[in-house]
């Protein structure tokens, strides 16, 4: 199943759940949080957290929430499911859980669904110049941005990390996942690879003091 197919399954699950509890879609304009849990027998770098998150938010956009810019917080957690030798080959090896919260309410999730589904992360775009030559990426810029962070962030060697990224400033018309895509590759230059990221939390805050956006990155070990 491709990325679009995965999005359609997510939409169908969320629409069916909302209909069963009498919630009209799309949801009214507001500020929302999305919690995602991935349970899989694959390694974390086979289901990169940010790209899986982007796939989920793309499925929510327009169908569930009128505009995914209304997602002000999102987190994704990776759980490894041990493979057993006698497990049925016809049984799904992974599942996806999605919970949607209204940040204006202190209650539980508005909609919560889970199901067995083969998870397909959103694919990163490959840019070409019209021929076969690949365009240069932002690797040099990421290395440049990582230099001062290396001096400030002392990252202890660990098998897994929790990453928090917070964006403050003129963020109302920005997608939280697209902002993260700009800075997430910096982690690689800090010595953290995709397989080590088991939890990723993103949030954005509106600030009227500056038109620019300030980015904070925190790296925690269990």
C-alpha atoms as a PDB file:
ATOM      1  CA  UNK A   1       0.000   0.000   0.000  1.00  0.00           C
ATOM      2  CA  UNK A   2       1.425   3.379  -0.983  1.00  0.00           C
ATOM      3  CA  UNK A   3       1.470   6.669   0.903  1.00  0.00           C
ATOM      4  CA  UNK A   4      -1.873   7.844  -0.530  1.00  0.00           C
ATOM      5  CA  UNK A   5      -3.449   4.495   0.383  1.00  0.00           C
ATOM      6  CA  UNK A   6      -2.189   4.793   3.952  1.00  0.00           C
ATOM      7  CA  UNK A   7      -3.679   8.286   4.184  1.00  0.00           C
ATOM      8  CA  UNK A   8      -7.032   6.991   2.936  1.00  0.00           C
ATOM      9  CA  UNK A   9      -7.074   4.248   5.586  1.00  0.00           C
ATOM     10  CA  UNK A  10      -6.320   6.805   8.306  1.00  0.00           C
ATOM     11  CA  UNK A  11      -9.078   9.091   7.016  1.00  0.00           C
ATOM     12  CA  UNK A  12     -11.569   6.224   6.854  1.00  0.00           C
ATOM     13  CA  UNK A  13     -10.804   5.127  10.433  1.00  0.00           C
ATOM     14  CA  UNK A  14     -11.116   8.670  11.784  1.00  0.00           C
ATOM     15  CA  UNK A  15     -14.280   9.433   9.803  1.00  0.00           C
ATOM     16  CA  UNK A  16     -15.938   6.195  10.912  1.00  0.00           C
ATOM     17  CA  UNK A  17     -15.054   6.851  14.552  1.00  0.00           C
ATOM     18  CA  UNK A  18     -16.284  10.460  14.444  1.00  0.00           C
ATOM     19  CA  UNK A  19     -19.551   9.350  12.817  1.00  0.00           C
ATOM     20  CA  UNK A  20     -20.107   6.670  15.464  1.00  0.00           C
ATOM     21  CA  UNK A  21     -19.868   9.267  18.253  1.00  0.00           C
ATOM     22  CA  UNK A  22     -21.756  11.977  16.366  1.00  0.00           C
ATOM     23  CA  UNK A  23     -18.917  14.404  15.671  1.00  0.00           C
ATOM     24  CA  UNK A  24     -19.368  16.388  12.410  1.00  0.00           C
ATOM     25  CA  UNK A  25     -16.302  16.799  10.208  1.00  0.00           C
ATOM     26  CA  UNK A  26     -14.214  18.736   9.520  1.00  0.00           C
ATOM     27  CA  UNK A  27     -13.759  19.881  13.095  1.00  0.00           C
ATOM     28  CA  UNK A  28     -14.390  23.577  13.891  1.00  0.00           C
ATOM     29  CA  UNK A  29     -11.504  26.021  13.722  1.00  0.00           C
ATOM     30  CA  UNK A  30      -9.335  25.754  16.800  1.00  0.00           C
ATOM     31  CA  UNK A  31      -5.999  24.557  18.133  1.00  0.00           C
ATOM     32  CA  UNK A  32      -5.400  20.811  18.218  1.00  0.00           C
ATOM     33  CA  UNK A  33      -2.869  18.197  19.334  1.00  0.00           C
ATOM     34  CA  UNK A  34      -2.250  14.850  17.669  1.00  0.00           C
ATOM     35  CA  UNK A  35      -0.725  11.873  19.511  1.00  0.00           C
ATOM     36  CA  UNK A  36       0.613   9.027  17.357  1.00  0.00           C
ATOM     37  CA  UNK A  37       1.883   5.631  18.481  1.00  0.00           C
ATOM     38  CA  UNK A  38       3.651   3.270  16.098  1.00  0.00           C
ATOM     39  CA  UNK A  39       4.049  -0.392  17.096  1.00  0.00           C
ATOM     40  CA  UNK A  40       6.159  -2.390  14.681  1.00  0.00           C
ATOM     41  CA  UNK A  41       8.722  -5.144  14.237  1.00  0.00           C
ATOM     42  CA  UNK A  42      10.729  -2.854  11.979  1.00  0.00           C
ATOM     43  CA  UNK A  43      13.596  -0.718  13.231  1.00  0.00           C
ATOM     44  CA  UNK A  44      12.969   2.961  13.892  1.00  0.00           C
ATOM     45  CA  UNK A  45      14.898   4.115  10.816  1.00  0.00           C
ATOM     46  CA  UNK A  46      12.485   2.091   8.625  1.00  0.00           C
ATOM     47  CA  UNK A  47       9.590   4.146   9.990  1.00  0.00           C
ATOM     48  CA  UNK A  48      11.214   7.597  10.483  1.00  0.00           C
ATOM     49  CA  UNK A  49       9.130   9.440  13.098  1.00  0.00           C
ATOM     50  CA  UNK A  50       8.906  12.795  11.340  1.00  0.00           C
ATOM     51  CA  UNK A  51       7.957  11.281   7.971  1.00  0.00           C
ATOM     52  CA  UNK A  52       5.350   8.983   9.560  1.00  0.00           C
ATOM     53  CA  UNK A  53       4.000  12.006  11.419  1.00  0.00           C
ATOM     54  CA  UNK A  54       3.793  13.957   8.167  1.00  0.00           C
ATOM     55  CA  UNK A  55       1.893  11.095   6.520  1.00  0.00           C
ATOM     56  CA  UNK A  56      -0.637  11.096   9.396  1.00  0.00           C
ATOM     57  CA  UNK A  57      -1.083  14.882   9.341  1.00  0.00           C
ATOM     58  CA  UNK A  58      -1.573  14.838   5.574  1.00  0.00           C
ATOM     59  CA  UNK A  59      -4.357  12.295   6.130  1.00  0.00           C
ATOM     60  CA  UNK A  60      -5.965  14.538   8.756  1.00  0.00           C
ATOM     61  CA  UNK A  61      -5.691  17.705   6.660  1.00  0.00           C
ATOM     62  CA  UNK A  62      -8.989  18.957   5.168  1.00  0.00           C
ATOM     63  CA  UNK A  63     -10.867  15.719   5.898  1.00  0.00           C
ATOM     64  CA  UNK A  64     -10.647  15.794   9.713  1.00  0.00           C
ATOM     65  CA  UNK A  65      -9.227  19.227  10.490  1.00  0.00           C
ATOM     66  CA  UNK A  66     -10.011  21.890   7.921  1.00  0.00           C
ATOM     67  CA  UNK A  67      -6.396  23.054   7.806  1.00  0.00           C
ATOM     68  CA  UNK A  68      -3.463  21.225   9.397  1.00  0.00           C
ATOM     69  CA  UNK A  69      -2.049  24.619  10.416  1.00  0.00           C
ATOM     70  CA  UNK A  70      -4.492  24.240  13.312  1.00  0.00           C
ATOM     71  CA  UNK A  71      -2.273  21.433  14.654  1.00  0.00           C
ATOM     72  CA  UNK A  72      -0.255  23.221  17.337  1.00  0.00           C
ATOM     73  CA  UNK A  73       1.218  20.129  18.961  1.00  0.00           C
ATOM     74  CA  UNK A  74       2.060  16.685  17.659  1.00  0.00           C
ATOM     75  CA  UNK A  75       4.024  13.802  19.067  1.00  0.00           C
ATOM     76  CA  UNK A  76       4.889  10.343  17.847  1.00  0.00           C
ATOM     77  CA  UNK A  77       6.133   7.398  19.882  1.00  0.00           C
ATOM     78  CA  UNK A  78       7.889   4.325  18.501  1.00  0.00           C
ATOM     79  CA  UNK A  79       7.383   0.932  20.128  1.00  0.00           C
ATOM     80  CA  UNK A  80       9.351  -2.106  18.995  1.00  0.00           C
ATOM     81  CA  UNK A  81       7.284  -5.293  18.809  1.00  0.00           C
ATOM     82  CA  UNK A  82       9.378  -8.392  19.387  1.00  0.00           C
ATOM     83  CA  UNK A  83       9.211 -10.943  16.595  1.00  0.00           C
ATOM     84  CA  UNK A  84       8.277 -14.470  17.648  1.00  0.00           C
ATOM     85  CA  UNK A  85       9.288 -17.488  15.572  1.00  0.00           C
ATOM     86  CA  UNK A  86       5.854 -19.115  15.788  1.00  0.00           C
ATOM     87  CA  UNK A  87       3.856 -15.983  14.938  1.00  0.00           C
ATOM     88  CA  UNK A  88       1.407 -16.264  12.050  1.00  0.00           C
ATOM     89  CA  UNK A  89       2.779 -14.834   8.814  1.00  0.00           C
ATOM     90  CA  UNK A  90      -0.729 -13.624   7.965  1.00  0.00           C
ATOM     91  CA  UNK A  91      -1.069 -11.470  11.047  1.00  0.00           C
ATOM     92  CA  UNK A  92      -0.121  -7.803  10.781  1.00  0.00           C
ATOM     93  CA  UNK A  93       3.232  -7.010  12.345  1.00  0.00           C
ATOM     94  CA  UNK A  94       2.450  -3.391  13.149  1.00  0.00           C
ATOM     95  CA  UNK A  95      -0.264  -1.018  14.209  1.00  0.00           C
ATOM     96  CA  UNK A  96      -0.965   2.694  14.298  1.00  0.00           C
ATOM     97  CA  UNK A  97      -2.818   4.605  17.011  1.00  0.00           C
ATOM     98  CA  UNK A  98      -3.980   8.187  16.504  1.00  0.00           C
ATOM     99  CA  UNK A  99      -5.579  10.428  19.133  1.00  0.00           C
ATOM    100  CA  UNK A 100      -6.801  13.974  18.405  1.00  0.00           C
ATOM    101  CA  UNK A 101      -7.190  16.479  21.251  1.00  0.00           C
ATOM    102  CA  UNK A 102      -8.682  19.987  21.469  1.00  0.00           C
ATOM    103  CA  UNK A 103      -6.073  22.166  23.194  1.00  0.00           C
ATOM    104  CA  UNK A 104      -8.890  24.453  24.367  1.00  0.00           C
ATOM    105  CA  UNK A 105     -10.319  21.636  26.471  1.00  0.00           C
ATOM    106  CA  UNK A 106      -8.866  19.719  29.389  1.00  0.00           C
ATOM    107  CA  UNK A 107     -10.811  16.578  28.532  1.00  0.00           C
ATOM    108  CA  UNK A 108      -9.779  13.419  26.740  1.00  0.00           C
ATOM    109  CA  UNK A 109      -9.333  12.925  23.008  1.00  0.00           C
ATOM    110  CA  UNK A 110     -12.056  14.075  20.615  1.00  0.00           C
ATOM    111  CA  UNK A 111     -11.330  11.135  18.354  1.00  0.00           C
ATOM    112  CA  UNK A 112      -9.125   8.118  19.047  1.00  0.00           C
ATOM    113  CA  UNK A 113      -8.559   5.226  16.655  1.00  0.00           C
ATOM    114  CA  UNK A 114      -6.143   2.335  16.309  1.00  0.00           C
ATOM    115  CA  UNK A 115      -5.729  -0.489  13.891  1.00  0.00           C
ATOM    116  CA  UNK A 116      -3.356  -2.876  12.187  1.00  0.00           C
ATOM    117  CA  UNK A 117      -1.901  -1.143   9.150  1.00  0.00           C
ATOM    118  CA  UNK A 118       1.346  -1.338   7.209  1.00  0.00           C
ATOM    119  CA  UNK A 119       2.862   2.070   7.869  1.00  0.00           C
ATOM    120  CA  UNK A 120       4.277   3.963   4.909  1.00  0.00           C
ATOM    121  CA  UNK A 121       6.228   7.127   5.839  1.00  0.00           C
ATOM    122  CA  UNK A 122       5.879  10.202   3.675  1.00  0.00           C
ATOM    123  CA  UNK A 123       8.607  10.165   1.042  1.00  0.00           C
ATOM    124  CA  UNK A 124      11.141  12.976   0.982  1.00  0.00           C
ATOM    125  CA  UNK A 125      11.099  14.868  -2.339  1.00  0.00           C
ATOM    126  CA  UNK A 126      13.988  14.330  -4.759  1.00  0.00           C
ATOM    127  CA  UNK A 127      14.834  17.525  -6.614  1.00  0.00           C
ATOM    128  CA  UNK A 128      16.285  17.425 -10.124  1.00  0.00           C
ATOM    129  CA  UNK A 129      17.316  20.121 -12.564  1.00  0.00           C
ATOM    130  CA  UNK A 130      15.067  18.850 -15.361  1.00  0.00           C
ATOM    131  CA  UNK A 131      17.552  16.161 -16.334  1.00  0.00           C
ATOM    132  CA  UNK A 132      19.258  13.451 -14.363  1.00  0.00           C
ATOM    133  CA  UNK A 133      21.426  15.678 -12.179  1.00  0.00           C
ATOM    134  CA  UNK A 134      20.360  15.929  -8.539  1.00  0.00           C
ATOM    135  CA  UNK A 135      20.123  19.427  -7.142  1.00  0.00           C
ATOM    136  CA  UNK A 136      22.273  20.166  -4.088  1.00  0.00           C
ATOM    137  CA  UNK A 137      20.558  19.782  -0.736  1.00  0.00           C
ATOM    138  CA  UNK A 138      20.912  21.814   2.465  1.00  0.00           C
ATOM    139  CA  UNK A 139      23.629  19.631   4.018  1.00  0.00           C
ATOM    140  CA  UNK A 140      26.127  22.519   4.220  1.00  0.00           C
ATOM    141  CA  UNK A 141      23.535  24.768   5.894  1.00  0.00           C
ATOM    142  CA  UNK A 142      22.641  22.042   8.374  1.00  0.00           C
ATOM    143  CA  UNK A 143      26.325  21.549   9.250  1.00  0.00           C
ATOM    144  CA  UNK A 144      26.658  25.320   9.734  1.00  0.00           C
ATOM    145  CA  UNK A 145      23.614  25.447  12.045  1.00  0.00           C
ATOM    146  CA  UNK A 146      24.827  22.407  13.969  1.00  0.00           C
ATOM    147  CA  UNK A 147      28.203  23.935  14.886  1.00  0.00           C
ATOM    148  CA  UNK A 148      26.988  26.231  17.715  1.00  0.00           C
ATOM    149  CA  UNK A 149      24.583  23.543  18.926  1.00  0.00           C
ATOM    150  CA  UNK A 150      27.433  21.063  19.313  1.00  0.00           C
ATOM    151  CA  UNK A 151      29.094  23.461  21.733  1.00  0.00           C
ATOM    152  CA  UNK A 152      25.892  23.947  23.770  1.00  0.00           C
ATOM    153  CA  UNK A 153      24.371  20.457  23.655  1.00  0.00           C
ATOM    154  CA  UNK A 154      26.215  17.635  25.385  1.00  0.00           C
ATOM    155  CA  UNK A 155      24.483  14.493  24.143  1.00  0.00           C
ATOM    156  CA  UNK A 156      25.188  11.356  26.152  1.00  0.00           C
ATOM    157  CA  UNK A 157      25.580   8.192  24.078  1.00  0.00           C
ATOM    158  CA  UNK A 158      22.334   6.235  24.246  1.00  0.00           C
ATOM    159  CA  UNK A 159      20.365   3.628  22.281  1.00  0.00           C
ATOM    160  CA  UNK A 160      17.306   5.879  22.070  1.00  0.00           C
ATOM    161  CA  UNK A 161      16.454   9.560  22.372  1.00  0.00           C
ATOM    162  CA  UNK A 162      13.420  11.774  22.898  1.00  0.00           C
ATOM    163  CA  UNK A 163      13.479  14.898  20.760  1.00  0.00           C
ATOM    164  CA  UNK A 164      11.454  18.041  21.445  1.00  0.00           C
ATOM    165  CA  UNK A 165      11.221  20.911  18.949  1.00  0.00           C
ATOM    166  CA  UNK A 166       9.423  24.149  19.799  1.00  0.00           C
ATOM    167  CA  UNK A 167       8.727  26.997  17.364  1.00  0.00           C
ATOM    168  CA  UNK A 168       7.815  30.437  18.743  1.00  0.00           C
ATOM    169  CA  UNK A 169       6.907  33.521  16.728  1.00  0.00           C
ATOM    170  CA  UNK A 170       4.853  34.128  13.608  1.00  0.00           C
ATOM    171  CA  UNK A 171       3.692  30.522  13.418  1.00  0.00           C
ATOM    172  CA  UNK A 172      -0.089  30.689  12.841  1.00  0.00           C
ATOM    173  CA  UNK A 173       0.163  30.178   9.082  1.00  0.00           C
ATOM    174  CA  UNK A 174       2.948  27.571   9.287  1.00  0.00           C
ATOM    175  CA  UNK A 175       2.614  23.781   9.231  1.00  0.00           C
ATOM    176  CA  UNK A 176       4.315  22.300  12.268  1.00  0.00           C
ATOM    177  CA  UNK A 177       5.691  19.286  10.360  1.00  0.00           C
ATOM    178  CA  UNK A 178       7.096  21.393   7.524  1.00  0.00           C
ATOM    179  CA  UNK A 179       8.898  23.675   9.988  1.00  0.00           C
ATOM    180  CA  UNK A 180      10.415  20.598  11.617  1.00  0.00           C
ATOM    181  CA  UNK A 181      11.624  19.285   8.252  1.00  0.00           C
ATOM    182  CA  UNK A 182      13.884  22.331   7.971  1.00  0.00           C
ATOM    183  CA  UNK A 183      15.714  21.667  11.242  1.00  0.00           C
ATOM    184  CA  UNK A 184      15.349  17.929  11.813  1.00  0.00           C
ATOM    185  CA  UNK A 185      18.356  16.982   9.605  1.00  0.00           C
ATOM    186  CA  UNK A 186      20.562  18.962  12.004  1.00  0.00           C
ATOM    187  CA  UNK A 187      20.245  16.073  14.471  1.00  0.00           C
ATOM    188  CA  UNK A 188      22.307  13.901  12.141  1.00  0.00           C
ATOM    189  CA  UNK A 189      25.186  16.375  12.412  1.00  0.00           C
ATOM    190  CA  UNK A 190      24.899  16.207  16.202  1.00  0.00           C
ATOM    191  CA  UNK A 191      25.500  12.459  16.129  1.00  0.00           C
ATOM    192  CA  UNK A 192      21.895  11.241  16.403  1.00  0.00           C
ATOM    193  CA  UNK A 193      20.716   8.903  13.682  1.00  0.00           C
ATOM    194  CA  UNK A 194      17.151   8.050  12.687  1.00  0.00           C
ATOM    195  CA  UNK A 195      17.212   4.634  14.358  1.00  0.00           C
ATOM    196  CA  UNK A 196      17.818   6.258  17.763  1.00  0.00           C
ATOM    197  CA  UNK A 197      14.803   8.618  17.727  1.00  0.00           C
ATOM    198  CA  UNK A 198      12.019   6.777  19.560  1.00  0.00           C
ATOM    199  CA  UNK A 199       9.938   9.826  20.530  1.00  0.00           C
ATOM    200  CA  UNK A 200       9.430  13.133  18.741  1.00  0.00           C
ATOM    201  CA  UNK A 201       7.390  16.053  20.074  1.00  0.00           C
ATOM    202  CA  UNK A 202       6.627  19.203  18.082  1.00  0.00           C
ATOM    203  CA  UNK A 203       4.812  22.317  19.213  1.00  0.00           C
ATOM    204  CA  UNK A 204       4.357  25.878  18.068  1.00  0.00           C
ATOM    205  CA  UNK A 205       3.448  29.061  19.928  1.00  0.00           C
ATOM    206  CA  UNK A 206       2.212  32.367  18.566  1.00  0.00           C
ATOM    207  CA  UNK A 207       4.240  35.393  19.682  1.00  0.00           C
ATOM    208  CA  UNK A 208       3.513  39.003  18.723  1.00  0.00           C
ATOM    209  CA  UNK A 209       6.888  40.302  19.891  1.00  0.00           C
ATOM    210  CA  UNK A 210       8.765  39.254  16.756  1.00  0.00           C
ATOM    211  CA  UNK A 211       7.804  38.398  13.172  1.00  0.00           C
ATOM    212  CA  UNK A 212      10.610  35.828  13.036  1.00  0.00           C
ATOM    213  CA  UNK A 213      10.461  32.273  14.373  1.00  0.00           C
ATOM    214  CA  UNK A 214      12.680  31.070  17.203  1.00  0.00           C
ATOM    215  CA  UNK A 215      13.449  27.353  17.242  1.00  0.00           C
ATOM    216  CA  UNK A 216      14.395  25.357  20.319  1.00  0.00           C
ATOM    217  CA  UNK A 217      15.607  21.751  20.162  1.00  0.00           C
ATOM    218  CA  UNK A 218      15.868  19.547  23.237  1.00  0.00           C
ATOM    219  CA  UNK A 219      17.349  16.071  23.263  1.00  0.00           C
ATOM    220  CA  UNK A 220      16.629  13.765  26.193  1.00  0.00           C
ATOM    221  CA  UNK A 221      17.698  10.253  27.100  1.00  0.00           C
ATOM    222  CA  UNK A 222      15.405   7.788  28.900  1.00  0.00           C
END
